[in-house]
Every structure is written in C-alpha cells, then in structure tokens.
Amino acid sequence: MTVATPPLTGANLGVAYFAVRKNLLNVLDDHDLTFEQSLLLNYLRQGDAARADLVASTADNIKISAAEVESHLDAAIARGLIADGLTLTEEGDRLQQQITERTQPLTRTFFSDIPAEDLAVTARVLATLTERANAALAKP
C-alpha cells in the first residue's frame, strides 16, 4: 500500500517548524537562554554589528518589535554574554559553542537521509514563501 504524500500547507510547515524549534528550546532552557537571545549570540558570533542594524534585522527576521529585541539584547548584555560594543564576551562565545555542540547532532539527524535535491527544492520553496509572506506583511 502506497501512502500519498500530503500537500504542502502552512499547517504542516508550522508543525515541522515547531517540532524543530522545541528541540532547540529544550537546549536553550538548560542554559536559561531565550530563543531571541540565542539568535543574537548566533548573529554576533558571525561578526560584530551596529546595534541599530542588529536590532532591525533580528526584529524583521522573527517578526517581533524592535523594543522586544532591545529587551533581549539588554538582558544578554546584563548577563555578561554580549559586551557593550556588541561583541560576544568570552562567556557568550563559550555558551554559543555549547549550544552549537548540542544542536548540531540534532540538525544532522533531522536532515541526514533527505536527498540533496529535495533539500535544494525545499530551500527554494521556503525562500519563495518567505518573500511572498514578507511582501504581504509590507502591504498597508
């Protein structure tokens, strides 16, 4: 008996997203870190950024207000994970490395047996959906 592949919908995209995110949140909970703070650490691990740029891009990427991002950023600075000049502190870098070490095996497991061609198509579809959804959000 052949099982039909379900159609791609926002609902099943959401279910996949929340399942993957919950795995990350479990790791972050062990470090008393919010999802938003983890994003900020990850962004800054890739290089320094101006505060306004970091706040604006984070807010845009995860669809929250700049004030919410500022709050998470200030909490990470107060905790000693990010320096005032928006670079990772030694503690912030260590924590980001620990999170990466715990999440990489999960990510490899999630993607391990999916053919490269399928991943490429999925990436293109997700990019198109993101572009269209962002365009819809930009309309008055």
C-alpha atoms as a PDB file:
ATOM      1  CA  MET A   1       0.000   0.000   0.000  1.00  0.00           C
ATOM      2  CA  THR A   2       1.391   3.375  -1.046  1.00  0.00           C
ATOM      3  CA  VAL A   3       0.845   6.295   1.289  1.00  0.00           C
ATOM      4  CA  ALA A   4       0.238   9.566  -0.522  1.00  0.00           C
ATOM      5  CA  THR A   5       2.448  12.491   0.342  1.00  0.00           C
ATOM      6  CA  PRO A   6       0.333  15.193   1.966  1.00  0.00           C
ATOM      7  CA  PRO A   7       0.161  18.542   0.185  1.00  0.00           C
ATOM      8  CA  LEU A   8       2.447  21.286   1.412  1.00  0.00           C
ATOM      9  CA  THR A   9       0.430  23.649   3.586  1.00  0.00           C
ATOM     10  CA  GLY A  10       1.079  26.352   6.113  1.00  0.00           C
ATOM     11  CA  ALA A  11      -0.195  23.967   8.761  1.00  0.00           C
ATOM     12  CA  ASN A  12       2.331  21.224   8.068  1.00  0.00           C
ATOM     13  CA  LEU A  13       5.110  23.780   7.668  1.00  0.00           C
ATOM     14  CA  GLY A  14       4.146  25.116  11.092  1.00  0.00           C
ATOM     15  CA  VAL A  15       4.107  21.660  12.651  1.00  0.00           C
ATOM     16  CA  ALA A  16       7.624  20.985  11.327  1.00  0.00           C
ATOM     17  CA  TYR A  17       8.847  24.404  12.461  1.00  0.00           C
ATOM     18  CA  PHE A  18       7.516  23.986  15.992  1.00  0.00           C
ATOM     19  CA  ALA A  19       8.913  20.464  16.307  1.00  0.00           C
ATOM     20  CA  VAL A  20      12.384  21.628  15.288  1.00  0.00           C
ATOM     21  CA  ARG A  21      12.145  24.767  17.422  1.00  0.00           C
ATOM     22  CA  LYS A  22      11.061  22.778  20.500  1.00  0.00           C
ATOM     23  CA  ASN A  23      14.267  20.739  20.235  1.00  0.00           C
ATOM     24  CA  LEU A  24      16.253  23.992  20.247  1.00  0.00           C
ATOM     25  CA  LEU A  25      14.201  25.433  23.113  1.00  0.00           C
ATOM     26  CA  ASN A  26      14.955  22.347  25.207  1.00  0.00           C
ATOM     27  CA  VAL A  27      18.671  23.047  24.783  1.00  0.00           C
ATOM     28  CA  LEU A  28      18.246  26.766  25.464  1.00  0.00           C
ATOM     29  CA  ASP A  29      16.219  26.075  28.616  1.00  0.00           C
ATOM     30  CA  ASP A  30      19.195  24.175  30.023  1.00  0.00           C
ATOM     31  CA  HIS A  31      21.194  27.412  29.693  1.00  0.00           C
ATOM     32  CA  ASP A  32      18.409  29.770  30.815  1.00  0.00           C
ATOM     33  CA  LEU A  33      18.543  31.486  27.441  1.00  0.00           C
ATOM     34  CA  THR A  34      15.656  32.777  25.337  1.00  0.00           C
ATOM     35  CA  PHE A  35      15.266  31.959  21.674  1.00  0.00           C
ATOM     36  CA  GLU A  36      15.774  35.623  20.854  1.00  0.00           C
ATOM     37  CA  GLN A  37      18.962  35.829  22.916  1.00  0.00           C
ATOM     38  CA  SER A  38      20.296  32.723  21.173  1.00  0.00           C
ATOM     39  CA  LEU A  39      19.704  34.391  17.804  1.00  0.00           C
ATOM     40  CA  LEU A  40      21.571  37.486  18.927  1.00  0.00           C
ATOM     41  CA  LEU A  41      24.518  35.360  20.107  1.00  0.00           C
ATOM     42  CA  ASN A  42      24.496  33.474  16.826  1.00  0.00           C
ATOM     43  CA  TYR A  43      24.395  36.657  14.744  1.00  0.00           C
ATOM     44  CA  LEU A  44      27.231  38.224  16.742  1.00  0.00           C
ATOM     45  CA  ARG A  45      29.314  35.071  16.534  1.00  0.00           C
ATOM     46  CA  GLN A  46      29.401  35.687  12.797  1.00  0.00           C
ATOM     47  CA  GLY A  47      30.857  39.165  13.382  1.00  0.00           C
ATOM     48  CA  ASP A  48      30.280  42.477  15.092  1.00  0.00           C
ATOM     49  CA  ALA A  49      27.270  44.561  14.154  1.00  0.00           C
ATOM     50  CA  ALA A  50      25.973  48.036  14.797  1.00  0.00           C
ATOM     51  CA  ARG A  51      23.211  47.955  17.400  1.00  0.00           C
ATOM     52  CA  ALA A  52      20.591  49.514  15.120  1.00  0.00           C
ATOM     53  CA  ASP A  53      21.369  47.018  12.342  1.00  0.00           C
ATOM     54  CA  LEU A  54      21.341  44.046  14.704  1.00  0.00           C
ATOM     55  CA  VAL A  55      18.047  45.085  16.264  1.00  0.00           C
ATOM     56  CA  ALA A  56      16.370  45.872  12.940  1.00  0.00           C
ATOM     57  CA  SER A  57      17.461  42.673  11.190  1.00  0.00           C
ATOM     58  CA  THR A  58      16.537  40.475  14.153  1.00  0.00           C
ATOM     59  CA  ALA A  59      13.134  42.118  14.518  1.00  0.00           C
ATOM     60  CA  ASP A  60      12.490  41.734  10.793  1.00  0.00           C
ATOM     61  CA  ASN A  61      13.641  38.103  10.676  1.00  0.00           C
ATOM     62  CA  ILE A  62      11.496  36.867  13.555  1.00  0.00           C
ATOM     63  CA  LYS A  63       8.647  39.369  13.233  1.00  0.00           C
ATOM     64  CA  ILE A  64       8.826  40.978  16.655  1.00  0.00           C
ATOM     65  CA  SER A  65       9.162  44.618  17.626  1.00  0.00           C
ATOM     66  CA  ALA A  66      12.491  46.376  17.862  1.00  0.00           C
ATOM     67  CA  ALA A  67      11.652  47.087  21.509  1.00  0.00           C
ATOM     68  CA  GLU A  68      11.379  43.339  22.191  1.00  0.00           C
ATOM     69  CA  VAL A  69      14.749  42.730  20.543  1.00  0.00           C
ATOM     70  CA  GLU A  70      16.256  45.596  22.558  1.00  0.00           C
ATOM     71  CA  SER A  71      14.949  43.988  25.747  1.00  0.00           C
ATOM     72  CA  HIS A  72      16.516  40.617  24.895  1.00  0.00           C
ATOM     73  CA  LEU A  73      19.758  42.310  23.865  1.00  0.00           C
ATOM     74  CA  ASP A  74      19.910  44.314  27.089  1.00  0.00           C
ATOM     75  CA  ALA A  75      19.293  41.131  29.119  1.00  0.00           C
ATOM     76  CA  ALA A  76      22.141  39.341  27.299  1.00  0.00           C
ATOM     77  CA  ILE A  77      24.423  42.322  27.940  1.00  0.00           C
ATOM     78  CA  ALA A  78      23.423  42.404  31.631  1.00  0.00           C
ATOM     79  CA  ARG A  79      24.132  38.692  31.876  1.00  0.00           C
ATOM     80  CA  GLY A  80      27.643  39.272  30.522  1.00  0.00           C
ATOM     81  CA  LEU A  81      27.146  37.379  27.245  1.00  0.00           C
ATOM     82  CA  ILE A  82      27.483  40.406  24.972  1.00  0.00           C
ATOM     83  CA  ALA A  83      29.793  43.363  25.546  1.00  0.00           C
ATOM     84  CA  ASP A  84      28.504  46.919  25.229  1.00  0.00           C
ATOM     85  CA  GLY A  85      30.345  47.216  21.915  1.00  0.00           C
ATOM     86  CA  LEU A  86      28.187  44.329  20.621  1.00  0.00           C
ATOM     87  CA  THR A  87      30.803  41.637  20.554  1.00  0.00           C
ATOM     88  CA  LEU A  88      30.470  38.305  22.270  1.00  0.00           C
ATOM     89  CA  THR A  89      32.182  38.104  25.613  1.00  0.00           C
ATOM     90  CA  GLU A  90      34.224  35.024  26.458  1.00  0.00           C
ATOM     91  CA  GLU A  91      31.176  33.693  28.330  1.00  0.00           C
ATOM     92  CA  GLY A  92      28.879  34.454  25.399  1.00  0.00           C
ATOM     93  CA  ASP A  93      31.193  32.705  22.968  1.00  0.00           C
ATOM     94  CA  ARG A  94      31.503  29.695  25.281  1.00  0.00           C
ATOM     95  CA  LEU A  95      27.735  29.458  25.668  1.00  0.00           C
ATOM     96  CA  GLN A  96      27.143  29.771  21.920  1.00  0.00           C
ATOM     97  CA  GLN A  97      29.674  26.994  21.347  1.00  0.00           C
ATOM     98  CA  GLN A  98      27.923  24.743  23.878  1.00  0.00           C
ATOM     99  CA  ILE A  99      24.570  25.321  22.200  1.00  0.00           C
ATOM    100  CA  THR A 100      26.071  24.576  18.788  1.00  0.00           C
ATOM    101  CA  GLU A 101      27.660  21.377  20.070  1.00  0.00           C
ATOM    102  CA  ARG A 102      24.291  20.185  21.352  1.00  0.00           C
ATOM    103  CA  THR A 103      22.179  21.251  18.385  1.00  0.00           C
ATOM    104  CA  GLN A 104      24.439  20.137  15.519  1.00  0.00           C
ATOM    105  CA  PRO A 105      23.811  16.411  16.139  1.00  0.00           C
ATOM    106  CA  LEU A 106      20.073  17.081  16.194  1.00  0.00           C
ATOM    107  CA  THR A 107      20.269  19.008  12.940  1.00  0.00           C
ATOM    108  CA  ARG A 108      22.301  16.251  11.306  1.00  0.00           C
ATOM    109  CA  THR A 109      19.703  13.696  12.435  1.00  0.00           C
ATOM    110  CA  PHE A 110      16.824  15.774  11.073  1.00  0.00           C
ATOM    111  CA  PHE A 111      18.419  16.204   7.635  1.00  0.00           C
ATOM    112  CA  SER A 112      20.582  13.078   7.380  1.00  0.00           C
ATOM    113  CA  ASP A 113      18.691  10.950   4.871  1.00  0.00           C
ATOM    114  CA  ILE A 114      16.955  13.644   2.857  1.00  0.00           C
ATOM    115  CA  PRO A 115      18.401  13.747  -0.665  1.00  0.00           C
ATOM    116  CA  ALA A 116      20.344  16.898  -1.557  1.00  0.00           C
ATOM    117  CA  GLU A 117      17.963  17.575  -4.452  1.00  0.00           C
ATOM    118  CA  ASP A 118      14.983  17.550  -2.080  1.00  0.00           C
ATOM    119  CA  LEU A 119      16.756  19.912   0.291  1.00  0.00           C
ATOM    120  CA  ALA A 120      17.545  22.276  -2.580  1.00  0.00           C
ATOM    121  CA  VAL A 121      13.913  22.310  -3.727  1.00  0.00           C
ATOM    122  CA  THR A 122      12.738  22.840  -0.157  1.00  0.00           C
ATOM    123  CA  ALA A 123      15.133  25.759   0.279  1.00  0.00           C
ATOM    124  CA  ARG A 124      13.819  27.380  -2.909  1.00  0.00           C
ATOM    125  CA  VAL A 125      10.186  26.872  -1.864  1.00  0.00           C
ATOM    126  CA  LEU A 126      10.826  28.286   1.612  1.00  0.00           C
ATOM    127  CA  ALA A 127      12.643  31.305   0.151  1.00  0.00           C
ATOM    128  CA  THR A 128       9.682  31.970  -2.164  1.00  0.00           C
ATOM    129  CA  LEU A 129       7.166  31.584   0.660  1.00  0.00           C
ATOM    130  CA  THR A 130       9.189  33.920   2.880  1.00  0.00           C
ATOM    131  CA  GLU A 131       9.428  36.531   0.144  1.00  0.00           C
ATOM    132  CA  ARG A 132       5.699  36.398  -0.545  1.00  0.00           C
ATOM    133  CA  ALA A 133       4.742  36.472   3.140  1.00  0.00           C
ATOM    134  CA  ASN A 134       7.056  39.431   3.775  1.00  0.00           C
ATOM    135  CA  ALA A 135       5.525  41.230   0.791  1.00  0.00           C
ATOM    136  CA  ALA A 136       2.040  40.633   2.188  1.00  0.00           C
ATOM    137  CA  LEU A 137       3.139  41.998   5.579  1.00  0.00           C
ATOM    138  CA  ALA A 138       4.531  45.114   3.893  1.00  0.00           C
ATOM    139  CA  LYS A 139       1.179  45.982   2.322  1.00  0.00           C
ATOM    140  CA  PRO A 140      -0.880  48.600   4.189  1.00  0.00           C
END
